[in-house]
N, C-alpha and C. Protein backbone atom coordinates (compact mmCIF):
# COMPACT_ATOMS: atom_id res chain seq x y z
N MET A 1 -36.69 -88.89 -57.81
CA MET A 1 -38.05 -89.24 -58.14
C MET A 1 -38.61 -88.18 -59.08
N ALA A 2 -39.20 -88.59 -60.16
CA ALA A 2 -39.62 -87.65 -61.19
C ALA A 2 -41.09 -87.23 -61.10
N ASP A 3 -41.84 -87.78 -60.17
CA ASP A 3 -43.28 -87.49 -60.14
C ASP A 3 -43.65 -86.43 -59.11
N HIS A 4 -42.78 -85.48 -58.87
CA HIS A 4 -43.09 -84.41 -57.91
C HIS A 4 -44.28 -83.60 -58.39
N LYS A 5 -45.14 -83.27 -57.45
CA LYS A 5 -46.34 -82.51 -57.79
C LYS A 5 -46.36 -81.13 -57.14
N LEU A 6 -45.64 -80.97 -56.04
CA LEU A 6 -45.66 -79.69 -55.34
C LEU A 6 -44.61 -78.74 -55.89
N THR A 7 -44.91 -77.45 -55.80
CA THR A 7 -43.97 -76.40 -56.13
C THR A 7 -43.98 -75.39 -54.99
N VAL A 8 -42.96 -74.58 -54.90
CA VAL A 8 -42.91 -73.57 -53.84
C VAL A 8 -44.10 -72.62 -53.98
N LYS A 9 -44.39 -72.18 -55.20
CA LYS A 9 -45.52 -71.27 -55.43
C LYS A 9 -46.85 -71.95 -55.10
N GLY A 10 -46.97 -73.22 -55.44
CA GLY A 10 -48.19 -73.97 -55.13
C GLY A 10 -48.40 -74.11 -53.63
N ILE A 11 -47.31 -74.34 -52.91
CA ILE A 11 -47.40 -74.45 -51.45
C ILE A 11 -47.83 -73.11 -50.85
N GLU A 12 -47.23 -72.03 -51.32
CA GLU A 12 -47.61 -70.70 -50.83
C GLU A 12 -49.09 -70.44 -51.07
N LYS A 13 -49.60 -70.89 -52.22
CA LYS A 13 -51.01 -70.67 -52.56
C LYS A 13 -51.94 -71.44 -51.63
N VAL A 14 -51.66 -72.73 -51.39
CA VAL A 14 -52.57 -73.51 -50.54
C VAL A 14 -52.53 -73.01 -49.10
N ILE A 15 -51.38 -72.50 -48.66
CA ILE A 15 -51.31 -71.93 -47.31
C ILE A 15 -52.12 -70.64 -47.25
N ARG A 16 -51.95 -69.80 -48.25
CA ARG A 16 -52.68 -68.53 -48.30
C ARG A 16 -54.20 -68.77 -48.34
N GLU A 17 -54.62 -69.80 -49.09
CA GLU A 17 -56.04 -70.10 -49.23
C GLU A 17 -56.58 -70.98 -48.10
N LYS A 18 -55.69 -71.33 -47.14
CA LYS A 18 -56.07 -72.19 -46.02
C LYS A 18 -56.70 -73.49 -46.52
N ASP A 19 -56.05 -74.09 -47.50
CA ASP A 19 -56.50 -75.36 -48.07
C ASP A 19 -55.96 -76.49 -47.20
N TYR A 20 -56.67 -76.73 -46.09
CA TYR A 20 -56.22 -77.72 -45.11
C TYR A 20 -56.30 -79.13 -45.66
N GLY A 21 -55.41 -79.98 -45.16
CA GLY A 21 -55.41 -81.38 -45.57
C GLY A 21 -54.05 -81.79 -46.09
N LYS A 22 -54.03 -82.94 -46.78
CA LYS A 22 -52.79 -83.50 -47.31
C LYS A 22 -52.60 -83.06 -48.75
N HIS A 23 -51.37 -82.66 -49.07
CA HIS A 23 -51.00 -82.26 -50.43
C HIS A 23 -49.81 -83.11 -50.86
N ALA A 24 -50.07 -84.05 -51.77
CA ALA A 24 -49.08 -85.05 -52.15
C ALA A 24 -48.01 -84.50 -53.07
N ASP A 25 -46.78 -84.99 -52.84
CA ASP A 25 -45.66 -84.68 -53.73
C ASP A 25 -45.26 -85.91 -54.53
N GLY A 26 -45.65 -87.07 -54.07
CA GLY A 26 -45.34 -88.32 -54.77
C GLY A 26 -44.51 -89.25 -53.91
N GLY A 27 -44.68 -90.55 -54.12
CA GLY A 27 -43.90 -91.53 -53.41
C GLY A 27 -44.17 -91.61 -51.93
N GLY A 28 -45.32 -91.11 -51.48
CA GLY A 28 -45.67 -91.13 -50.06
C GLY A 28 -45.36 -89.84 -49.33
N LEU A 29 -44.62 -88.93 -49.96
CA LEU A 29 -44.31 -87.64 -49.34
C LEU A 29 -45.48 -86.69 -49.52
N TYR A 30 -45.87 -86.04 -48.42
CA TYR A 30 -46.94 -85.05 -48.53
C TYR A 30 -46.74 -83.94 -47.51
N LEU A 31 -47.39 -82.83 -47.79
CA LEU A 31 -47.41 -81.69 -46.88
C LEU A 31 -48.78 -81.66 -46.22
N LEU A 32 -48.80 -81.78 -44.91
CA LEU A 32 -50.05 -81.74 -44.16
C LEU A 32 -50.25 -80.31 -43.66
N ILE A 33 -51.34 -79.70 -44.07
CA ILE A 33 -51.63 -78.33 -43.66
C ILE A 33 -52.81 -78.34 -42.70
N THR A 34 -52.60 -77.82 -41.49
CA THR A 34 -53.64 -77.73 -40.48
C THR A 34 -53.71 -76.29 -39.99
N GLU A 35 -54.66 -76.03 -39.13
CA GLU A 35 -54.75 -74.69 -38.55
C GLU A 35 -53.53 -74.40 -37.67
N GLN A 36 -52.90 -75.46 -37.14
CA GLN A 36 -51.76 -75.28 -36.24
C GLN A 36 -50.43 -75.11 -36.99
N GLY A 37 -50.36 -75.54 -38.25
CA GLY A 37 -49.11 -75.41 -38.98
C GLY A 37 -49.04 -76.29 -40.21
N GLN A 38 -47.86 -76.34 -40.80
CA GLN A 38 -47.63 -77.11 -42.02
C GLN A 38 -46.51 -78.12 -41.72
N TYR A 39 -46.78 -79.40 -42.01
CA TYR A 39 -45.88 -80.48 -41.62
C TYR A 39 -45.56 -81.40 -42.80
N TRP A 40 -44.28 -81.72 -42.97
CA TRP A 40 -43.88 -82.70 -43.97
C TRP A 40 -44.02 -84.09 -43.38
N ARG A 41 -44.65 -84.99 -44.12
CA ARG A 41 -44.85 -86.37 -43.68
C ARG A 41 -44.54 -87.33 -44.82
N TYR A 42 -44.12 -88.53 -44.46
CA TYR A 42 -43.88 -89.60 -45.41
C TYR A 42 -44.67 -90.82 -44.95
N LYS A 43 -45.63 -91.24 -45.76
CA LYS A 43 -46.45 -92.40 -45.45
C LYS A 43 -45.87 -93.60 -46.19
N TYR A 44 -45.69 -94.70 -45.47
CA TYR A 44 -45.10 -95.90 -46.05
C TYR A 44 -45.66 -97.14 -45.36
N ARG A 45 -45.38 -98.29 -45.95
CA ARG A 45 -45.77 -99.56 -45.36
C ARG A 45 -44.52 -100.36 -45.04
N LEU A 46 -44.53 -100.96 -43.86
CA LEU A 46 -43.42 -101.80 -43.43
C LEU A 46 -43.99 -102.94 -42.61
N GLY A 47 -43.65 -104.16 -43.00
CA GLY A 47 -44.19 -105.32 -42.29
C GLY A 47 -45.70 -105.41 -42.38
N GLY A 48 -46.26 -104.92 -43.49
CA GLY A 48 -47.70 -104.97 -43.69
C GLY A 48 -48.48 -103.89 -42.95
N LYS A 49 -47.78 -103.01 -42.25
CA LYS A 49 -48.45 -101.95 -41.49
C LYS A 49 -48.15 -100.58 -42.09
N GLU A 50 -49.18 -99.74 -42.13
CA GLU A 50 -48.98 -98.37 -42.60
C GLU A 50 -48.37 -97.55 -41.47
N LYS A 51 -47.36 -96.76 -41.84
CA LYS A 51 -46.68 -95.92 -40.85
C LYS A 51 -46.48 -94.52 -41.44
N VAL A 52 -46.20 -93.58 -40.55
CA VAL A 52 -45.95 -92.20 -40.98
C VAL A 52 -44.68 -91.70 -40.30
N TYR A 53 -43.79 -91.17 -41.12
CA TYR A 53 -42.54 -90.59 -40.65
C TYR A 53 -42.67 -89.07 -40.70
N ALA A 54 -42.49 -88.41 -39.57
CA ALA A 54 -42.56 -86.95 -39.49
C ALA A 54 -41.21 -86.38 -39.87
N ILE A 55 -41.16 -85.70 -41.01
CA ILE A 55 -39.91 -85.13 -41.53
C ILE A 55 -39.61 -83.79 -40.87
N GLY A 56 -40.62 -82.99 -40.65
CA GLY A 56 -40.42 -81.70 -40.01
C GLY A 56 -41.47 -80.70 -40.44
N MET A 57 -41.35 -79.51 -39.89
CA MET A 57 -42.30 -78.44 -40.22
C MET A 57 -41.78 -77.66 -41.43
N LEU A 58 -42.71 -77.16 -42.22
CA LEU A 58 -42.36 -76.38 -43.40
C LEU A 58 -41.49 -75.17 -43.04
N ALA A 59 -41.73 -74.59 -41.88
CA ALA A 59 -40.94 -73.42 -41.46
C ALA A 59 -39.46 -73.77 -41.28
N ASP A 60 -39.17 -75.06 -41.01
CA ASP A 60 -37.80 -75.50 -40.75
C ASP A 60 -37.19 -76.32 -41.89
N VAL A 61 -38.05 -76.92 -42.72
CA VAL A 61 -37.59 -77.84 -43.77
C VAL A 61 -38.17 -77.38 -45.10
N SER A 62 -37.32 -77.01 -46.03
CA SER A 62 -37.78 -76.57 -47.35
C SER A 62 -38.28 -77.75 -48.17
N LEU A 63 -38.91 -77.46 -49.28
CA LEU A 63 -39.39 -78.51 -50.19
C LEU A 63 -38.22 -79.38 -50.65
N ALA A 64 -37.12 -78.76 -51.04
CA ALA A 64 -35.95 -79.52 -51.49
C ALA A 64 -35.39 -80.39 -50.37
N GLU A 65 -35.32 -79.86 -49.16
CA GLU A 65 -34.83 -80.64 -48.02
C GLU A 65 -35.77 -81.78 -47.69
N ALA A 66 -37.07 -81.53 -47.76
CA ALA A 66 -38.05 -82.59 -47.49
C ALA A 66 -37.91 -83.72 -48.50
N ARG A 67 -37.69 -83.37 -49.76
CA ARG A 67 -37.51 -84.40 -50.78
C ARG A 67 -36.24 -85.21 -50.53
N GLU A 68 -35.19 -84.57 -50.08
CA GLU A 68 -33.94 -85.28 -49.79
C GLU A 68 -34.12 -86.22 -48.59
N LYS A 69 -34.76 -85.73 -47.54
CA LYS A 69 -35.02 -86.57 -46.37
C LYS A 69 -35.96 -87.72 -46.72
N HIS A 70 -36.93 -87.46 -47.59
CA HIS A 70 -37.85 -88.49 -48.06
C HIS A 70 -37.08 -89.56 -48.82
N LYS A 71 -36.18 -89.13 -49.67
CA LYS A 71 -35.36 -90.07 -50.46
C LYS A 71 -34.55 -90.98 -49.53
N ASP A 72 -33.95 -90.40 -48.50
CA ASP A 72 -33.17 -91.17 -47.54
C ASP A 72 -34.06 -92.16 -46.77
N ALA A 73 -35.25 -91.71 -46.37
CA ALA A 73 -36.17 -92.57 -45.63
C ALA A 73 -36.68 -93.71 -46.51
N ARG A 74 -36.93 -93.43 -47.79
CA ARG A 74 -37.39 -94.48 -48.72
C ARG A 74 -36.34 -95.58 -48.85
N LYS A 75 -35.07 -95.19 -48.89
CA LYS A 75 -33.99 -96.18 -48.98
C LYS A 75 -34.01 -97.10 -47.76
N LEU A 76 -34.23 -96.52 -46.59
CA LEU A 76 -34.30 -97.33 -45.37
C LEU A 76 -35.46 -98.33 -45.46
N VAL A 77 -36.61 -97.84 -45.87
CA VAL A 77 -37.80 -98.70 -45.97
C VAL A 77 -37.55 -99.82 -46.98
N LEU A 78 -36.95 -99.50 -48.10
CA LEU A 78 -36.66 -100.52 -49.11
C LEU A 78 -35.71 -101.59 -48.59
N ASN A 79 -34.87 -101.23 -47.62
CA ASN A 79 -33.96 -102.19 -46.99
C ASN A 79 -34.58 -102.88 -45.79
N GLY A 80 -35.86 -102.58 -45.52
CA GLY A 80 -36.56 -103.20 -44.40
C GLY A 80 -36.37 -102.52 -43.06
N ASP A 81 -35.78 -101.33 -43.09
CA ASP A 81 -35.56 -100.57 -41.85
C ASP A 81 -36.64 -99.51 -41.69
N ASP A 82 -36.96 -99.20 -40.45
CA ASP A 82 -37.99 -98.21 -40.16
C ASP A 82 -37.33 -96.86 -39.88
N PRO A 83 -37.59 -95.84 -40.70
CA PRO A 83 -36.97 -94.53 -40.48
C PRO A 83 -37.37 -93.89 -39.15
N VAL A 84 -38.52 -94.25 -38.61
CA VAL A 84 -38.96 -93.71 -37.33
C VAL A 84 -38.08 -94.24 -36.20
N ALA A 85 -37.63 -95.48 -36.32
CA ALA A 85 -36.84 -96.11 -35.26
C ALA A 85 -35.37 -95.71 -35.29
N ILE A 86 -34.95 -95.06 -36.37
CA ILE A 86 -33.52 -94.71 -36.49
C ILE A 86 -33.27 -93.28 -36.07
């Protein structure tokens, strides 16, 4: 996917500045920053319903790994499968 918006330096900056909320990377992948931690999430629609797939915490999953897991989850969704159920 070519529309990535996040960078490692950008992520470090929003964490340092405590810029809480969702930070989009593209294609439904985003980094959710809260007071409790930083979480990779993938928002998608399946069967007309909005769903969220929890990829992992930033401490455990790098930006590159999150993008790879997102890519795999998108393939499942495109085939009509729910990544949360697998």
